[in-house]
Amino acid sequence: MKKRIASKKTGSPQKKKKVRLSPVAEINRRKEWRFELPLRAIIEGKLPHGKKFKESTTVENISSGGAYFCLDSGLIVGSKLNLVLDLPKKLAKDRKLKLFLGGITVRLEEPDKKAKKQGVAVRFNKQFKFIAEGKTKKAS
């Protein structure tokens, strides 16, 4: 029977090995595919002090779970937003369709020094609607 020798703990912390990834290898922890699909959008919501706002922007990327865009408005994490996206005619069989989505801000980035716009990441709630242009209804 062999004895196991327990390692002795020393007073100095042990150094952890750093894992280096090659420039080609990237870790993507997202659950959904993210598409860099610039879509015109209207964002509506309330500012932290309760004032309503409505702002035009371009969605930089989008997935089934959320989107990223920039705003001037000065939101906080947890803000509820409504997004109205203009869908490209190619995706809508040559019709003018809008996609209404509700969501909540989950991440904010520092405002860009040049444009002074804040990066906003939104996680969508489950409700959405496709509306033909001319009809307007909000997602909740």
N, C-alpha and C. Protein backbone atom coordinates (compact mmCIF):
# COMPACT_ATOMS: atom_id res chain seq x y z
N MET A 1 0.83 -1.17 0.00
CA MET A 1 0.00 0.00 0.00
C MET A 1 0.88 1.23 0.00
N LYS A 2 0.60 2.14 -0.93
CA LYS A 2 1.40 3.35 -1.04
C LYS A 2 0.75 4.47 -0.26
N LYS A 3 1.57 5.29 0.35
CA LYS A 3 1.06 6.45 1.08
C LYS A 3 1.03 7.65 0.17
N ARG A 4 -0.02 8.43 0.32
CA ARG A 4 -0.11 9.68 -0.42
C ARG A 4 0.46 10.78 0.44
N ILE A 5 1.25 11.60 -0.17
CA ILE A 5 1.85 12.71 0.57
C ILE A 5 1.09 13.97 0.21
N ALA A 6 0.53 14.63 1.20
CA ALA A 6 -0.20 15.88 0.98
C ALA A 6 0.80 17.00 0.76
N SER A 7 0.47 17.88 -0.16
CA SER A 7 1.36 19.01 -0.41
C SER A 7 1.23 20.01 0.72
N LYS A 8 2.34 20.63 1.06
CA LYS A 8 2.35 21.61 2.13
C LYS A 8 2.02 22.98 1.56
N LYS A 9 1.22 23.71 2.28
CA LYS A 9 0.89 25.07 1.87
C LYS A 9 1.98 26.00 2.35
N THR A 10 2.37 26.89 1.50
CA THR A 10 3.37 27.87 1.88
C THR A 10 2.70 29.20 2.12
N GLY A 11 3.37 30.09 2.77
CA GLY A 11 2.82 31.41 3.07
C GLY A 11 2.68 32.29 1.85
N SER A 12 3.43 32.05 0.79
CA SER A 12 3.35 32.88 -0.41
C SER A 12 2.36 32.30 -1.39
N PRO A 13 1.56 33.15 -2.02
CA PRO A 13 0.58 32.64 -2.99
C PRO A 13 1.28 32.07 -4.23
N GLN A 14 0.69 31.03 -4.76
CA GLN A 14 1.26 30.42 -5.96
C GLN A 14 0.84 31.20 -7.19
N LYS A 15 1.72 31.27 -8.15
CA LYS A 15 1.41 31.98 -9.39
C LYS A 15 0.54 31.10 -10.26
N LYS A 16 -0.50 31.72 -10.84
CA LYS A 16 -1.36 31.00 -11.77
C LYS A 16 -0.79 31.14 -13.16
N LYS A 17 -0.88 30.07 -13.91
CA LYS A 17 -0.40 30.11 -15.28
C LYS A 17 -1.39 30.87 -16.13
N LYS A 18 -0.89 31.75 -16.96
CA LYS A 18 -1.74 32.50 -17.88
C LYS A 18 -1.89 31.71 -19.17
N VAL A 19 -3.11 31.58 -19.61
CA VAL A 19 -3.39 30.89 -20.86
C VAL A 19 -3.37 31.94 -21.97
N ARG A 20 -2.58 31.70 -22.95
CA ARG A 20 -2.50 32.64 -24.07
C ARG A 20 -3.18 32.01 -25.28
N LEU A 21 -4.06 32.77 -25.87
CA LEU A 21 -4.75 32.30 -27.07
C LEU A 21 -4.04 32.84 -28.29
N SER A 22 -4.04 32.06 -29.33
CA SER A 22 -3.47 32.56 -30.57
C SER A 22 -4.38 33.66 -31.10
N PRO A 23 -3.87 34.55 -31.95
CA PRO A 23 -4.72 35.63 -32.46
C PRO A 23 -5.98 35.13 -33.17
N VAL A 24 -5.94 33.91 -33.67
CA VAL A 24 -7.08 33.37 -34.40
C VAL A 24 -8.15 32.85 -33.44
N ALA A 25 -7.74 32.31 -32.29
CA ALA A 25 -8.68 31.71 -31.35
C ALA A 25 -9.34 32.79 -30.50
N GLU A 26 -10.65 32.79 -30.51
CA GLU A 26 -11.42 33.72 -29.69
C GLU A 26 -12.47 32.93 -28.94
N ILE A 27 -12.78 33.39 -27.74
CA ILE A 27 -13.83 32.74 -26.96
C ILE A 27 -15.09 33.56 -27.11
N ASN A 28 -16.17 32.92 -27.55
CA ASN A 28 -17.46 33.58 -27.69
C ASN A 28 -18.43 32.90 -26.73
N ARG A 29 -18.85 33.63 -25.70
CA ARG A 29 -19.73 33.06 -24.69
C ARG A 29 -21.19 33.36 -24.96
N ARG A 30 -21.50 33.96 -26.08
CA ARG A 30 -22.88 34.29 -26.40
C ARG A 30 -23.66 33.03 -26.74
N LYS A 31 -24.94 33.04 -26.40
CA LYS A 31 -25.80 31.90 -26.66
C LYS A 31 -26.37 31.94 -28.08
N GLU A 32 -26.50 33.14 -28.65
CA GLU A 32 -27.10 33.28 -29.97
C GLU A 32 -26.07 33.85 -30.95
N TRP A 33 -26.31 33.60 -32.24
CA TRP A 33 -25.50 34.20 -33.28
C TRP A 33 -25.79 35.70 -33.31
N ARG A 34 -24.78 36.51 -33.46
CA ARG A 34 -24.93 37.96 -33.52
C ARG A 34 -24.60 38.39 -34.95
N PHE A 35 -25.51 39.18 -35.54
CA PHE A 35 -25.34 39.62 -36.91
C PHE A 35 -25.02 41.11 -36.95
N GLU A 36 -24.00 41.46 -37.67
CA GLU A 36 -23.66 42.87 -37.86
C GLU A 36 -24.51 43.35 -39.02
N LEU A 37 -25.71 43.74 -38.68
CA LEU A 37 -26.72 44.11 -39.65
C LEU A 37 -27.20 45.52 -39.30
N PRO A 38 -26.68 46.54 -39.98
CA PRO A 38 -27.08 47.91 -39.63
C PRO A 38 -28.54 48.16 -40.01
N LEU A 39 -29.36 48.38 -38.99
CA LEU A 39 -30.78 48.63 -39.19
C LEU A 39 -31.14 49.97 -38.57
N ARG A 40 -31.91 50.76 -39.32
CA ARG A 40 -32.42 52.02 -38.76
C ARG A 40 -33.44 51.68 -37.68
N ALA A 41 -33.40 52.47 -36.61
CA ALA A 41 -34.31 52.17 -35.49
C ALA A 41 -34.70 53.44 -34.76
N ILE A 42 -35.86 53.38 -34.14
CA ILE A 42 -36.34 54.41 -33.21
C ILE A 42 -36.35 53.74 -31.83
N ILE A 43 -35.72 54.38 -30.86
CA ILE A 43 -35.67 53.85 -29.51
C ILE A 43 -36.51 54.77 -28.62
N GLU A 44 -37.42 54.19 -27.86
CA GLU A 44 -38.28 54.95 -26.94
C GLU A 44 -38.12 54.39 -25.54
N GLY A 45 -38.18 55.28 -24.56
CA GLY A 45 -38.08 54.83 -23.18
C GLY A 45 -38.18 55.98 -22.21
N LYS A 46 -37.80 55.73 -20.97
CA LYS A 46 -37.78 56.76 -19.94
C LYS A 46 -36.37 56.92 -19.40
N LEU A 47 -35.99 58.16 -19.16
CA LEU A 47 -34.69 58.47 -18.56
C LEU A 47 -34.78 58.22 -17.06
N PRO A 48 -33.63 58.14 -16.37
CA PRO A 48 -33.65 57.84 -14.93
C PRO A 48 -34.55 58.76 -14.10
N HIS A 49 -34.68 60.02 -14.48
CA HIS A 49 -35.52 60.96 -13.72
C HIS A 49 -36.99 60.94 -14.17
N GLY A 50 -37.36 60.02 -15.08
CA GLY A 50 -38.75 59.82 -15.46
C GLY A 50 -39.20 60.45 -16.76
N LYS A 51 -38.37 61.30 -17.35
CA LYS A 51 -38.74 61.96 -18.61
C LYS A 51 -38.67 60.96 -19.76
N LYS A 52 -39.72 60.97 -20.61
CA LYS A 52 -39.75 60.09 -21.78
C LYS A 52 -38.83 60.64 -22.87
N PHE A 53 -38.25 59.73 -23.67
CA PHE A 53 -37.43 60.15 -24.80
C PHE A 53 -37.73 59.27 -26.00
N LYS A 54 -37.38 59.78 -27.17
CA LYS A 54 -37.52 59.06 -28.43
C LYS A 54 -36.33 59.49 -29.28
N GLU A 55 -35.53 58.53 -29.74
CA GLU A 55 -34.30 58.86 -30.45
C GLU A 55 -34.07 57.92 -31.63
N SER A 56 -33.62 58.48 -32.75
CA SER A 56 -33.27 57.68 -33.93
C SER A 56 -31.83 57.22 -33.80
N THR A 57 -31.56 56.00 -34.24
CA THR A 57 -30.21 55.47 -34.22
C THR A 57 -30.09 54.36 -35.25
N THR A 58 -28.93 53.75 -35.33
CA THR A 58 -28.71 52.59 -36.17
C THR A 58 -28.23 51.45 -35.29
N VAL A 59 -28.92 50.32 -35.34
CA VAL A 59 -28.51 49.14 -34.59
C VAL A 59 -27.23 48.62 -35.25
N GLU A 60 -26.19 48.43 -34.44
CA GLU A 60 -24.91 47.97 -34.99
C GLU A 60 -24.87 46.46 -35.16
N ASN A 61 -25.41 45.74 -34.16
CA ASN A 61 -25.53 44.29 -34.30
C ASN A 61 -26.74 43.81 -33.53
N ILE A 62 -27.24 42.64 -33.94
CA ILE A 62 -28.49 42.13 -33.38
C ILE A 62 -28.45 40.61 -33.37
N SER A 63 -29.14 40.02 -32.39
CA SER A 63 -29.30 38.57 -32.32
C SER A 63 -30.74 38.30 -31.90
N SER A 64 -31.08 37.05 -31.73
CA SER A 64 -32.43 36.74 -31.27
C SER A 64 -32.65 37.15 -29.83
N GLY A 65 -31.57 37.39 -29.10
CA GLY A 65 -31.68 37.74 -27.69
C GLY A 65 -31.46 39.19 -27.35
N GLY A 66 -30.87 39.97 -28.27
CA GLY A 66 -30.59 41.36 -27.94
C GLY A 66 -29.98 42.13 -29.08
N ALA A 67 -29.58 43.37 -28.78
CA ALA A 67 -29.01 44.25 -29.80
C ALA A 67 -28.05 45.24 -29.15
N TYR A 68 -27.22 45.86 -29.99
CA TYR A 68 -26.29 46.89 -29.53
C TYR A 68 -26.42 48.10 -30.45
N PHE A 69 -26.47 49.30 -29.84
CA PHE A 69 -26.59 50.55 -30.59
C PHE A 69 -26.06 51.67 -29.72
N CYS A 70 -26.01 52.88 -30.24
CA CYS A 70 -25.53 54.05 -29.51
C CYS A 70 -26.63 55.10 -29.40
N LEU A 71 -26.68 55.77 -28.24
CA LEU A 71 -27.68 56.80 -27.97
C LEU A 71 -27.05 58.01 -27.30
N ASP A 72 -27.73 59.14 -27.41
CA ASP A 72 -27.35 60.36 -26.70
C ASP A 72 -28.04 60.46 -25.34
N SER A 73 -29.04 59.67 -25.10
CA SER A 73 -30.01 59.91 -24.04
C SER A 73 -29.53 59.80 -22.60
N GLY A 74 -28.51 59.04 -22.28
CA GLY A 74 -28.05 58.92 -20.91
C GLY A 74 -28.85 57.96 -20.06
N LEU A 75 -28.93 56.72 -20.48
CA LEU A 75 -29.70 55.70 -19.78
C LEU A 75 -28.91 55.10 -18.63
N ILE A 76 -29.59 54.25 -17.85
CA ILE A 76 -28.93 53.47 -16.82
C ILE A 76 -29.23 52.00 -17.08
N VAL A 77 -28.42 51.11 -16.51
CA VAL A 77 -28.68 49.68 -16.64
C VAL A 77 -30.02 49.38 -15.98
N GLY A 78 -30.84 48.60 -16.66
CA GLY A 78 -32.17 48.26 -16.15
C GLY A 78 -33.28 49.09 -16.76
N SER A 79 -32.92 50.07 -17.60
CA SER A 79 -33.95 50.90 -18.26
C SER A 79 -34.75 50.04 -19.24
N LYS A 80 -36.07 50.22 -19.23
CA LYS A 80 -36.93 49.51 -20.19
C LYS A 80 -37.03 50.35 -21.45
N LEU A 81 -36.87 49.69 -22.60
CA LEU A 81 -36.90 50.38 -23.88
C LEU A 81 -37.83 49.67 -24.84
N ASN A 82 -38.35 50.44 -25.81
CA ASN A 82 -39.07 49.89 -26.95
C ASN A 82 -38.25 50.23 -28.18
N LEU A 83 -38.05 49.26 -29.04
CA LEU A 83 -37.30 49.46 -30.28
C LEU A 83 -38.24 49.25 -31.45
N VAL A 84 -38.15 50.14 -32.43
CA VAL A 84 -38.91 50.02 -33.67
C VAL A 84 -37.89 49.95 -34.79
N LEU A 85 -37.73 48.76 -35.38
CA LEU A 85 -36.72 48.54 -36.42
C LEU A 85 -37.36 48.53 -37.79
N ASP A 86 -36.73 49.23 -38.72
CA ASP A 86 -37.15 49.16 -40.13
C ASP A 86 -36.47 47.96 -40.76
N LEU A 87 -37.27 46.99 -41.18
CA LEU A 87 -36.70 45.80 -41.81
C LEU A 87 -36.39 46.06 -43.28
N PRO A 88 -35.26 45.54 -43.76
CA PRO A 88 -34.94 45.70 -45.18
C PRO A 88 -36.00 45.01 -46.04
N LYS A 89 -36.30 45.61 -47.18
CA LYS A 89 -37.33 45.05 -48.07
C LYS A 89 -36.99 43.63 -48.51
N LYS A 90 -35.69 43.32 -48.62
CA LYS A 90 -35.29 41.97 -49.03
C LYS A 90 -35.72 40.93 -48.00
N LEU A 91 -35.73 41.31 -46.74
CA LEU A 91 -36.15 40.38 -45.69
C LEU A 91 -37.67 40.33 -45.53
N ALA A 92 -38.35 41.32 -46.07
CA ALA A 92 -39.80 41.45 -45.88
C ALA A 92 -40.57 41.23 -47.18
N LYS A 93 -39.99 40.52 -48.12
CA LYS A 93 -40.64 40.23 -49.40
C LYS A 93 -41.15 41.50 -50.09
N ASP A 94 -40.27 42.50 -50.18
CA ASP A 94 -40.54 43.78 -50.84
C ASP A 94 -41.68 44.59 -50.21
N ARG A 95 -41.97 44.34 -48.93
CA ARG A 95 -42.96 45.15 -48.21
C ARG A 95 -42.23 46.00 -47.18
N LYS A 96 -42.86 47.11 -46.80
CA LYS A 96 -42.29 47.95 -45.75
C LYS A 96 -42.82 47.45 -44.42
N LEU A 97 -41.97 46.74 -43.69
CA LEU A 97 -42.36 46.20 -42.39
C LEU A 97 -41.49 46.78 -41.29
N LYS A 98 -42.08 46.91 -40.12
CA LYS A 98 -41.37 47.35 -38.94
C LYS A 98 -41.48 46.24 -37.90
N LEU A 99 -40.40 46.07 -37.14
CA LEU A 99 -40.38 45.11 -36.06
C LEU A 99 -40.37 45.87 -34.74
N PHE A 100 -41.36 45.62 -33.90
CA PHE A 100 -41.47 46.26 -32.60
C PHE A 100 -41.00 45.27 -31.53
N LEU A 101 -40.03 45.70 -30.72
CA LEU A 101 -39.45 44.85 -29.68
C LEU A 101 -39.38 45.61 -28.37
N GLY A 102 -39.54 44.92 -27.28
CA GLY A 102 -39.31 45.50 -25.97
C GLY A 102 -38.04 44.90 -25.40
N GLY A 103 -37.37 45.64 -24.53
CA GLY A 103 -36.15 45.11 -23.94
C GLY A 103 -35.72 45.91 -22.73
N ILE A 104 -34.62 45.46 -22.14
CA ILE A 104 -34.05 46.10 -20.96
C ILE A 104 -32.54 46.25 -21.16
N THR A 105 -32.01 47.40 -20.74
CA THR A 105 -30.57 47.62 -20.90
C THR A 105 -29.81 46.73 -19.94
N VAL A 106 -28.80 46.04 -20.46
CA VAL A 106 -28.00 45.14 -19.63
C VAL A 106 -26.55 45.59 -19.53
N ARG A 107 -26.11 46.47 -20.44
CA ARG A 107 -24.74 46.95 -20.42
C ARG A 107 -24.68 48.32 -21.07
N LEU A 108 -23.88 49.20 -20.49
CA LEU A 108 -23.66 50.54 -21.05
C LEU A 108 -22.17 50.76 -21.19
N GLU A 109 -21.77 51.45 -22.23
CA GLU A 109 -20.37 51.78 -22.43
C GLU A 109 -20.17 53.28 -22.29
N GLU A 110 -18.95 53.67 -22.02
CA GLU A 110 -18.63 55.08 -21.90
C GLU A 110 -18.98 55.80 -23.20
N PRO A 111 -19.45 57.04 -23.09
CA PRO A 111 -19.76 57.81 -24.31
C PRO A 111 -18.53 58.00 -25.18
N ASP A 112 -18.73 57.92 -26.48
CA ASP A 112 -17.68 58.15 -27.47
C ASP A 112 -17.26 59.61 -27.37
N LYS A 113 -15.96 59.87 -27.35
CA LYS A 113 -15.46 61.25 -27.19
C LYS A 113 -15.83 62.15 -28.36
N LYS A 114 -15.85 61.59 -29.57
CA LYS A 114 -16.17 62.41 -30.74
C LYS A 114 -17.68 62.68 -30.83
N ALA A 115 -18.46 61.63 -30.89
CA ALA A 115 -19.90 61.78 -31.10
C ALA A 115 -20.67 61.95 -29.78
N LYS A 116 -20.01 61.64 -28.67
CA LYS A 116 -20.62 61.72 -27.33
C LYS A 116 -21.87 60.84 -27.21
N LYS A 117 -21.85 59.71 -27.91
CA LYS A 117 -22.97 58.77 -27.83
C LYS A 117 -22.55 57.59 -26.96
N GLN A 118 -23.50 57.09 -26.18
CA GLN A 118 -23.27 56.00 -25.25
C GLN A 118 -23.64 54.68 -25.91
N GLY A 119 -22.75 53.68 -25.81
CA GLY A 119 -23.05 52.35 -26.31
C GLY A 119 -24.05 51.67 -25.39
N VAL A 120 -25.09 51.06 -25.95
CA VAL A 120 -26.16 50.44 -25.17
C VAL A 120 -26.38 49.01 -25.66
N ALA A 121 -26.33 48.06 -24.72
CA ALA A 121 -26.67 46.67 -25.04
C ALA A 121 -28.01 46.36 -24.39
N VAL A 122 -28.92 45.82 -25.19
CA VAL A 122 -30.29 45.53 -24.73
C VAL A 122 -30.56 44.04 -24.87
N ARG A 123 -31.20 43.48 -23.84
CA ARG A 123 -31.70 42.10 -23.93
C ARG A 123 -33.19 42.18 -24.20
N PHE A 124 -33.65 41.52 -25.25
CA PHE A 124 -35.06 41.56 -25.63
C PHE A 124 -35.91 40.74 -24.66
N ASN A 125 -37.16 41.21 -24.46
CA ASN A 125 -38.12 40.34 -23.78
C ASN A 125 -38.74 39.46 -24.86
N LYS A 126 -39.62 38.59 -24.49
CA LYS A 126 -40.15 37.60 -25.42
C LYS A 126 -41.16 38.15 -26.43
N GLN A 127 -41.73 39.33 -26.17
CA GLN A 127 -42.78 39.84 -27.02
C GLN A 127 -42.22 40.67 -28.17
N PHE A 128 -42.77 40.45 -29.36
CA PHE A 128 -42.41 41.24 -30.53
C PHE A 128 -43.59 41.24 -31.49
N LYS A 129 -43.60 42.23 -32.40
CA LYS A 129 -44.66 42.30 -33.40
C LYS A 129 -44.07 42.80 -34.71
N PHE A 130 -44.56 42.24 -35.80
CA PHE A 130 -44.28 42.76 -37.13
C PHE A 130 -45.48 43.61 -37.53
N ILE A 131 -45.22 44.83 -37.96
CA ILE A 131 -46.30 45.75 -38.34
C ILE A 131 -46.02 46.30 -39.73
N ALA A 132 -47.04 46.27 -40.60
CA ALA A 132 -46.91 46.89 -41.92
C ALA A 132 -46.84 48.39 -41.74
N GLU A 133 -46.04 49.07 -42.54
CA GLU A 133 -45.86 50.52 -42.38
C GLU A 133 -47.20 51.25 -42.42
N GLY A 134 -47.35 52.22 -41.55
CA GLY A 134 -48.59 52.98 -41.46
C GLY A 134 -49.35 52.65 -40.20
N LYS A 135 -49.17 51.42 -39.67
CA LYS A 135 -49.82 51.02 -38.42
C LYS A 135 -48.77 51.11 -37.32
N THR A 136 -49.16 51.61 -36.15
CA THR A 136 -48.20 51.72 -35.06
C THR A 136 -48.78 51.16 -33.78
N LYS A 137 -48.03 50.27 -33.16
CA LYS A 137 -48.37 49.72 -31.85
C LYS A 137 -47.06 49.46 -31.11
N LYS A 138 -47.08 49.68 -29.81
CA LYS A 138 -45.86 49.49 -29.01
C LYS A 138 -45.77 48.07 -28.48
N ALA A 139 -44.51 47.60 -28.38
CA ALA A 139 -44.26 46.33 -27.72
C ALA A 139 -44.16 46.60 -26.23
N SER A 140 -44.59 45.66 -25.42
CA SER A 140 -44.49 45.88 -23.97
C SER A 140 -43.47 45.01 -23.33
